[in-house]
């Protein structure tokens, strides 16, 4: 249980981005969509939702703070 909570705390911004992107992708399919059915991403709601989730996770991940690891061994 502790590992799950630590993982969620460490990646909360990326997970939030995936959720927001998935919602945006589905809304794009619902309101805009593809009338001919030949569009690769917007022809099916699953494709739009997954694409939006990936793009949202990548976008929100850009704003994560970088943590600097301290090396315990000195450089020679």
N, C-alpha and C. Protein backbone atom coordinates (compact mmCIF):
# COMPACT_ATOMS: atom_id res chain seq x y z
N UNK A 1 0.83 -1.20 0.00
CA UNK A 1 0.00 0.00 0.00
C UNK A 1 0.86 1.25 0.00
N UNK A 2 1.95 1.21 0.74
CA UNK A 2 2.81 2.38 0.86
C UNK A 2 3.47 2.72 -0.48
N UNK A 3 3.84 1.70 -1.27
CA UNK A 3 4.46 1.93 -2.57
C UNK A 3 3.48 2.58 -3.54
N UNK A 4 2.22 2.20 -3.45
CA UNK A 4 1.20 2.78 -4.33
C UNK A 4 1.01 4.26 -4.03
N UNK A 5 0.93 4.59 -2.75
CA UNK A 5 0.74 5.98 -2.34
C UNK A 5 1.96 6.81 -2.75
N UNK A 6 3.15 6.28 -2.59
CA UNK A 6 4.37 6.98 -2.98
C UNK A 6 4.40 7.21 -4.49
N UNK A 7 4.00 6.18 -5.26
CA UNK A 7 3.95 6.32 -6.72
C UNK A 7 2.95 7.40 -7.14
N UNK A 8 1.77 7.41 -6.51
CA UNK A 8 0.75 8.41 -6.85
C UNK A 8 1.20 9.82 -6.50
N UNK A 9 1.87 9.97 -5.36
CA UNK A 9 2.37 11.30 -4.97
C UNK A 9 3.46 11.77 -5.92
N UNK A 10 4.32 10.85 -6.33
CA UNK A 10 5.43 11.21 -7.20
C UNK A 10 4.96 11.59 -8.60
N UNK A 11 3.90 10.96 -9.08
CA UNK A 11 3.43 11.15 -10.46
C UNK A 11 2.06 11.79 -10.55
N UNK A 12 1.66 12.55 -9.55
CA UNK A 12 0.30 13.09 -9.55
C UNK A 12 0.06 14.07 -10.69
N UNK A 13 1.06 14.84 -11.08
CA UNK A 13 0.87 15.79 -12.17
C UNK A 13 0.70 15.08 -13.51
N UNK A 14 1.46 14.04 -13.73
CA UNK A 14 1.34 13.27 -14.97
C UNK A 14 -0.01 12.55 -15.04
N UNK A 15 -0.45 11.98 -13.92
CA UNK A 15 -1.75 11.29 -13.89
C UNK A 15 -2.88 12.28 -14.12
N UNK A 16 -2.78 13.46 -13.50
CA UNK A 16 -3.79 14.49 -13.71
C UNK A 16 -3.83 14.91 -15.18
N UNK A 17 -2.67 15.04 -15.79
CA UNK A 17 -2.60 15.38 -17.22
C UNK A 17 -3.24 14.33 -18.09
N UNK A 18 -3.05 13.06 -17.74
CA UNK A 18 -3.66 11.98 -18.51
C UNK A 18 -5.18 12.02 -18.40
N UNK A 19 -5.69 12.30 -17.22
CA UNK A 19 -7.14 12.36 -17.02
C UNK A 19 -7.73 13.55 -17.77
N UNK A 20 -7.09 14.71 -17.66
CA UNK A 20 -7.58 15.91 -18.36
C UNK A 20 -7.50 15.70 -19.87
N UNK A 21 -6.40 15.12 -20.34
CA UNK A 21 -6.24 14.86 -21.77
C UNK A 21 -7.25 13.86 -22.30
N UNK A 22 -7.54 12.82 -21.52
CA UNK A 22 -8.53 11.83 -21.94
C UNK A 22 -9.91 12.47 -22.05
N UNK A 23 -10.25 13.30 -21.11
CA UNK A 23 -11.53 14.02 -21.17
C UNK A 23 -11.57 14.94 -22.39
N UNK A 24 -10.49 15.65 -22.62
CA UNK A 24 -10.42 16.53 -23.79
C UNK A 24 -10.50 15.76 -25.10
N UNK A 25 -9.83 14.61 -25.16
CA UNK A 25 -9.87 13.79 -26.37
C UNK A 25 -11.27 13.27 -26.65
N UNK A 26 -11.97 12.84 -25.60
CA UNK A 26 -13.33 12.35 -25.81
C UNK A 26 -14.26 13.49 -26.23
N UNK A 27 -14.11 14.64 -25.58
CA UNK A 27 -14.95 15.78 -25.94
C UNK A 27 -14.69 16.22 -27.38
N UNK A 28 -13.44 16.14 -27.81
CA UNK A 28 -13.13 16.47 -29.20
C UNK A 28 -13.83 15.50 -30.14
N UNK A 29 -13.80 14.21 -29.82
CA UNK A 29 -14.51 13.23 -30.65
C UNK A 29 -16.00 13.53 -30.68
N UNK A 30 -16.57 13.82 -29.52
CA UNK A 30 -18.01 14.00 -29.41
C UNK A 30 -18.49 15.24 -30.17
N UNK A 31 -17.78 16.35 -30.02
CA UNK A 31 -18.25 17.60 -30.62
C UNK A 31 -17.72 17.83 -32.04
N UNK A 32 -16.51 17.39 -32.35
CA UNK A 32 -15.93 17.63 -33.67
C UNK A 32 -15.95 16.35 -34.48
N UNK A 33 -15.28 15.32 -33.97
CA UNK A 33 -15.31 14.01 -34.61
C UNK A 33 -14.79 13.98 -36.03
N UNK A 34 -15.24 12.99 -36.76
CA UNK A 34 -14.83 12.81 -38.15
C UNK A 34 -16.05 12.32 -38.92
N UNK A 35 -16.53 13.13 -39.84
CA UNK A 35 -17.76 12.79 -40.55
C UNK A 35 -17.57 11.66 -41.56
N UNK A 36 -16.38 11.55 -42.14
CA UNK A 36 -16.19 10.53 -43.18
C UNK A 36 -15.79 9.17 -42.59
N UNK A 37 -15.27 9.14 -41.38
CA UNK A 37 -14.85 7.89 -40.77
C UNK A 37 -13.46 7.44 -41.16
N UNK A 38 -12.77 8.23 -41.95
CA UNK A 38 -11.43 7.84 -42.40
C UNK A 38 -10.31 8.49 -41.59
N UNK A 39 -10.66 9.29 -40.60
CA UNK A 39 -9.65 9.93 -39.76
C UNK A 39 -9.10 8.91 -38.76
N UNK A 40 -7.79 8.82 -38.67
CA UNK A 40 -7.17 7.78 -37.83
C UNK A 40 -7.44 8.00 -36.35
N UNK A 41 -7.38 9.23 -35.89
CA UNK A 41 -7.51 9.49 -34.45
C UNK A 41 -8.96 9.76 -34.05
N UNK A 42 -9.66 10.55 -34.80
CA UNK A 42 -10.98 11.00 -34.38
C UNK A 42 -12.14 10.16 -34.90
N UNK A 43 -11.87 9.04 -35.55
CA UNK A 43 -12.97 8.23 -36.08
C UNK A 43 -13.62 7.39 -34.98
N UNK A 44 -12.89 7.06 -33.92
CA UNK A 44 -13.42 6.24 -32.83
C UNK A 44 -13.16 6.94 -31.49
N UNK A 45 -14.09 6.82 -30.54
CA UNK A 45 -13.89 7.51 -29.25
C UNK A 45 -12.70 6.95 -28.47
N UNK A 46 -12.42 5.68 -28.60
CA UNK A 46 -11.27 5.11 -27.87
C UNK A 46 -9.96 5.71 -28.36
N UNK A 47 -9.82 5.85 -29.67
CA UNK A 47 -8.61 6.44 -30.23
C UNK A 47 -8.42 7.87 -29.76
N UNK A 48 -9.47 8.66 -29.81
CA UNK A 48 -9.38 10.06 -29.38
C UNK A 48 -9.06 10.16 -27.90
N UNK A 49 -9.67 9.31 -27.09
CA UNK A 49 -9.46 9.35 -25.65
C UNK A 49 -8.03 8.96 -25.30
N UNK A 50 -7.52 7.88 -25.91
CA UNK A 50 -6.15 7.46 -25.63
C UNK A 50 -5.13 8.48 -26.12
N UNK A 51 -5.34 9.03 -27.29
CA UNK A 51 -4.43 10.05 -27.82
C UNK A 51 -4.43 11.28 -26.91
N UNK A 52 -5.61 11.70 -26.48
CA UNK A 52 -5.69 12.84 -25.57
C UNK A 52 -5.02 12.56 -24.24
N UNK A 53 -5.16 11.34 -23.72
CA UNK A 53 -4.52 10.99 -22.45
C UNK A 53 -3.00 11.03 -22.57
N UNK A 54 -2.47 10.50 -23.66
CA UNK A 54 -1.02 10.52 -23.85
C UNK A 54 -0.51 11.94 -24.00
N UNK A 55 -1.18 12.74 -24.80
CA UNK A 55 -0.75 14.11 -25.00
C UNK A 55 -0.87 14.94 -23.71
N UNK A 56 -1.94 14.72 -22.95
CA UNK A 56 -2.11 15.43 -21.69
C UNK A 56 -1.04 15.05 -20.67
N UNK A 57 -0.71 13.76 -20.60
CA UNK A 57 0.33 13.31 -19.67
C UNK A 57 1.68 13.91 -20.05
N UNK A 58 1.99 13.91 -21.34
CA UNK A 58 3.26 14.50 -21.78
C UNK A 58 3.31 16.00 -21.51
N UNK A 59 2.20 16.68 -21.75
CA UNK A 59 2.16 18.13 -21.53
C UNK A 59 2.31 18.47 -20.06
N UNK A 60 1.56 17.81 -19.19
CA UNK A 60 1.63 18.11 -17.76
C UNK A 60 2.97 17.66 -17.18
N UNK A 61 3.58 16.63 -17.74
CA UNK A 61 4.85 16.13 -17.26
C UNK A 61 5.97 17.15 -17.47
N UNK A 62 5.81 18.03 -18.44
CA UNK A 62 6.82 19.07 -18.69
C UNK A 62 6.95 20.02 -17.51
N UNK A 63 5.93 20.13 -16.68
CA UNK A 63 5.93 21.08 -15.58
C UNK A 63 6.35 20.47 -14.25
N UNK A 64 6.79 19.20 -14.27
CA UNK A 64 7.28 18.57 -13.04
C UNK A 64 8.60 19.19 -12.64
N UNK A 65 8.78 19.35 -11.33
CA UNK A 65 10.06 19.85 -10.83
C UNK A 65 11.08 18.73 -10.88
N UNK A 66 12.26 19.07 -11.29
CA UNK A 66 13.35 18.09 -11.36
C UNK A 66 13.98 17.98 -9.97
N UNK A 67 14.20 16.76 -9.51
CA UNK A 67 14.89 16.56 -8.24
C UNK A 67 16.31 16.10 -8.54
N UNK A 68 17.23 16.68 -7.83
CA UNK A 68 18.64 16.37 -8.05
C UNK A 68 19.07 15.26 -7.11
N UNK A 69 19.62 14.20 -7.67
CA UNK A 69 20.11 13.09 -6.86
C UNK A 69 21.52 13.42 -6.38
N UNK A 70 21.74 13.18 -5.11
CA UNK A 70 23.08 13.37 -4.55
C UNK A 70 23.84 12.07 -4.65
N UNK A 71 25.01 12.13 -5.20
CA UNK A 71 25.85 10.95 -5.36
C UNK A 71 26.61 10.74 -4.04
N UNK A 72 26.50 9.54 -3.46
CA UNK A 72 27.14 9.27 -2.18
C UNK A 72 28.64 9.04 -2.33
N UNK A 73 29.10 8.69 -3.53
CA UNK A 73 30.52 8.47 -3.74
C UNK A 73 31.15 9.69 -4.40
N UNK A 74 32.26 10.16 -3.83
CA UNK A 74 32.92 11.34 -4.44
C UNK A 74 33.60 10.96 -5.76
N UNK A 75 33.67 11.90 -6.65
CA UNK A 75 34.33 11.69 -7.95
C UNK A 75 35.83 11.69 -7.74
N UNK A 76 36.55 10.82 -8.41
CA UNK A 76 38.01 10.77 -8.30
C UNK A 76 38.68 11.61 -9.35
